[in-house]
Protein backbone atom coordinates (compact mmCIF):
# COMPACT_ATOMS: atom_id res chain seq x y z
CA MET A 1 70.64 -77.98 -163.22
CA THR A 2 72.62 -78.49 -159.92
CA GLY A 3 76.32 -76.30 -160.55
CA GLU A 4 74.93 -74.34 -163.58
CA PRO A 5 75.85 -70.66 -163.83
CA ASP A 6 72.84 -68.22 -163.18
CA SER A 7 73.17 -64.41 -162.38
CA LEU A 8 73.21 -64.81 -158.67
CA GLU A 9 76.11 -64.87 -156.54
CA ARG A 10 75.83 -66.87 -153.24
CA LEU A 11 77.20 -66.91 -149.82
CA TRP A 12 76.87 -69.98 -148.31
CA THR A 13 76.53 -69.86 -144.39
CA PRO A 14 75.74 -73.72 -143.27
CA HIS A 15 77.38 -72.87 -139.50
CA ARG A 16 73.84 -70.97 -139.01
CA LEU A 17 71.81 -74.29 -139.48
CA THR A 18 72.15 -75.61 -136.26
CA TYR A 19 70.43 -72.48 -135.00
CA VAL A 20 67.77 -72.63 -137.53
CA THR A 21 67.23 -76.03 -136.50
CA GLY A 22 67.36 -75.59 -132.96
CA GLU A 23 69.78 -79.33 -132.68
CA GLU A 24 72.19 -77.38 -129.97
CA ARG A 25 69.10 -76.05 -127.57
CA PRO A 26 69.39 -77.43 -123.94
CA GLU A 27 66.73 -80.04 -122.71
CA GLY A 28 63.52 -77.50 -121.46
CA TYR A 29 64.83 -74.73 -123.61
CA GLU A 30 61.32 -73.62 -124.51
CA GLU A 31 59.60 -74.53 -121.27
CA PRO A 32 58.67 -71.45 -118.60
CA ALA A 33 61.40 -73.35 -116.50
CA GLY A 34 64.23 -72.92 -118.78
CA CYS A 35 63.45 -70.22 -120.64
CA PRO A 36 66.15 -67.30 -120.93
CA PHE A 37 63.38 -64.73 -121.27
CA CYS A 38 61.62 -65.90 -118.22
CA LEU A 39 64.57 -66.57 -116.13
CA ALA A 40 66.26 -62.44 -117.34
CA PRO A 41 64.74 -60.69 -115.05
CA ALA A 42 65.29 -62.61 -111.52
CA VAL A 43 69.01 -62.58 -113.01
CA ASP A 44 69.12 -58.67 -113.96
CA SER A 45 72.68 -59.02 -115.40
CA LEU A 46 70.92 -57.70 -118.97
CA VAL A 47 68.25 -55.90 -117.60
CA VAL A 48 67.60 -52.02 -118.82
CA ALA A 49 64.30 -51.53 -117.70
CA ARG A 50 61.21 -52.49 -115.95
CA GLY A 51 57.73 -51.88 -116.38
CA GLU A 52 54.44 -53.27 -114.93
CA LEU A 53 53.87 -56.21 -117.63
CA VAL A 54 56.84 -56.14 -119.53
CA PHE A 55 61.11 -55.34 -119.73
CA ALA A 56 63.38 -54.33 -121.98
CA VAL A 57 66.76 -56.87 -122.12
CA LEU A 58 69.94 -56.30 -123.77
CA ASN A 59 70.60 -58.94 -126.47
CA LEU A 60 73.22 -62.05 -125.33
CA TYR A 61 74.17 -61.87 -128.73
CA PRO A 62 73.47 -58.52 -130.27
CA TYR A 63 73.36 -57.69 -134.26
CA ASN A 64 74.65 -54.27 -133.16
CA PRO A 65 75.29 -52.22 -129.63
CA GLY A 66 72.20 -51.33 -128.16
CA HIS A 67 70.24 -54.09 -130.04
CA LEU A 68 67.32 -55.21 -126.79
CA MET A 69 64.53 -56.80 -126.55
CA VAL A 70 61.01 -55.69 -125.15
CA CYS A 71 59.57 -58.96 -123.89
CA PRO A 72 56.69 -59.48 -121.44
CA TYR A 73 57.17 -61.05 -118.14
CA ARG A 74 54.40 -63.77 -118.84
CA HIS A 75 55.31 -66.69 -120.85
CA VAL A 76 53.31 -66.38 -124.20
CA ALA A 77 54.43 -67.25 -127.62
CA ASP A 78 51.90 -65.54 -129.99
CA TYR A 79 51.75 -61.85 -129.94
CA THR A 80 47.73 -62.37 -130.63
CA ASP A 81 48.01 -63.98 -127.06
CA LEU A 82 48.97 -60.84 -125.21
CA THR A 83 46.25 -58.74 -123.40
CA GLU A 84 45.87 -55.41 -124.26
CA ASP A 85 47.69 -54.13 -121.31
CA GLU A 86 50.85 -56.25 -122.60
CA THR A 87 50.40 -54.88 -126.28
CA VAL A 88 50.48 -51.16 -125.00
CA GLU A 89 53.25 -51.60 -122.90
CA VAL A 90 55.23 -53.71 -125.18
CA ALA A 91 54.67 -50.84 -127.77
CA ALA A 92 55.55 -48.19 -125.31
CA PHE A 93 58.96 -49.30 -123.97
CA THR A 94 59.29 -50.23 -127.87
CA ARG A 95 58.89 -46.26 -128.60
CA THR A 96 61.16 -45.68 -125.33
CA ALA A 97 63.99 -48.22 -126.16
CA MET A 98 64.07 -46.57 -129.72
CA ARG A 99 64.29 -42.62 -128.03
CA VAL A 100 67.07 -43.70 -125.39
CA ILE A 101 69.03 -45.60 -127.93
CA ARG A 102 68.86 -42.08 -130.00
CA SER A 103 69.84 -40.35 -127.38
CA VAL A 104 73.18 -42.33 -126.42
CA SER A 105 74.08 -44.04 -130.08
CA SER A 106 72.64 -41.47 -132.92
CA PRO A 107 71.86 -44.79 -134.90
CA HIS A 108 70.79 -43.86 -138.73
CA GLY A 109 67.54 -45.76 -138.58
CA PHE A 110 66.42 -49.03 -136.64
CA ASN A 111 65.29 -52.58 -137.34
CA LEU A 112 62.24 -53.35 -135.39
CA GLY A 113 60.38 -56.78 -135.43
CA MET A 114 58.92 -60.71 -134.16
CA ASN A 115 59.93 -63.71 -135.15
CA GLN A 116 56.64 -65.11 -134.96
CA GLY A 117 57.27 -69.26 -134.58
CA ALA A 118 60.25 -71.10 -135.14
CA VAL A 119 60.07 -71.30 -138.92
CA ALA A 120 59.78 -67.29 -139.00
CA GLY A 121 63.52 -67.21 -137.54
CA ALA A 122 62.48 -66.97 -133.90
CA GLY A 123 65.17 -68.35 -131.60
CA ILE A 124 63.24 -68.50 -128.63
CA ALA A 125 59.79 -69.31 -130.31
CA ALA A 126 57.96 -69.97 -126.81
CA HIS A 127 58.67 -66.20 -125.34
CA LEU A 128 57.06 -63.24 -127.39
CA HIS A 129 60.08 -60.86 -128.04
CA GLN A 130 60.27 -57.72 -129.53
CA HIS A 131 63.33 -56.44 -131.71
CA VAL A 132 65.07 -53.29 -131.38
CA VAL A 133 68.23 -53.10 -133.43
CA PRO A 134 69.92 -49.74 -134.40
CA ARG A 135 71.43 -49.50 -137.77
CA TRP A 136 73.76 -47.26 -138.95
CA GLY A 137 75.52 -46.98 -142.30
CA GLY A 138 77.99 -50.14 -143.58
CA ASP A 139 77.40 -51.64 -139.79
CA ALA A 140 77.04 -54.78 -142.23
CA ASN A 141 80.10 -56.41 -143.28
CA PHE A 142 82.10 -59.15 -144.82
CA MET A 143 83.14 -60.09 -141.37
CA SER A 144 79.80 -61.48 -140.67
CA VAL A 145 79.02 -63.22 -143.40
CA VAL A 146 82.36 -64.45 -144.71
CA SER A 147 84.71 -64.91 -141.72
CA ARG A 148 81.63 -66.04 -138.89
CA THR A 149 82.71 -62.93 -136.87
CA LYS A 150 80.56 -60.05 -135.66
CA VAL A 151 82.50 -56.59 -134.68
CA LEU A 152 81.02 -54.84 -132.17
CA PRO A 153 82.61 -51.57 -131.16
CA GLN A 154 81.09 -51.51 -127.46
CA LEU A 155 80.93 -53.63 -124.43
CA LEU A 156 77.79 -55.14 -123.51
CA ASP A 157 77.83 -53.94 -119.70
CA ASP A 158 78.84 -51.04 -121.13
CA THR A 159 75.94 -50.20 -123.02
CA ARG A 160 73.64 -51.90 -120.49
CA ARG A 161 75.08 -48.78 -117.79
CA LEU A 162 74.62 -46.03 -120.97
CA LEU A 163 70.97 -46.92 -121.80
CA ILE A 164 70.24 -47.28 -118.16
CA LYS A 165 71.15 -43.94 -117.57
CA ALA A 166 69.14 -42.47 -120.14
CA TRP A 167 65.99 -44.42 -119.70
CA PRO A 168 63.40 -42.55 -118.07
CA SER A 169 62.06 -43.26 -114.24
CA PRO A 170 59.08 -44.92 -114.33
CA SER A 171 56.26 -41.71 -113.61
């Protein structure tokens, strides 16, 4: 029954509903012409590394410093639609990203993942992207849950500079 006590404690975050429903996305957001991942390689301000078929770009709204994404240049939504060569390069870039982030930030672990489809939490469902999120013990706290504030100890430009400097040159 509604309002009856049970053994669970809940933190309500209704401000996240606009993200889940996509209500605040601009017109054309999911199309290649307006897709942030299709536009990112030309803008370059958050791009860390470029490959033949994929690139690594910092997340504009990171969970932690060093949170980046590996994206194919091609506007493709589903992992199963990647070519064999794209699949190999996504995997290689993900491995390199982990090594680079370890060398500059010494995280205790990583979250890796792809959210396939809007219902799975993909903010940009139309363009596949692999998240590489460095994690440290105690990096999640009440600030983001209760006060809608994420504490990030490093600016994106500083993170980008560190990662670019440590990223190996293409061979």
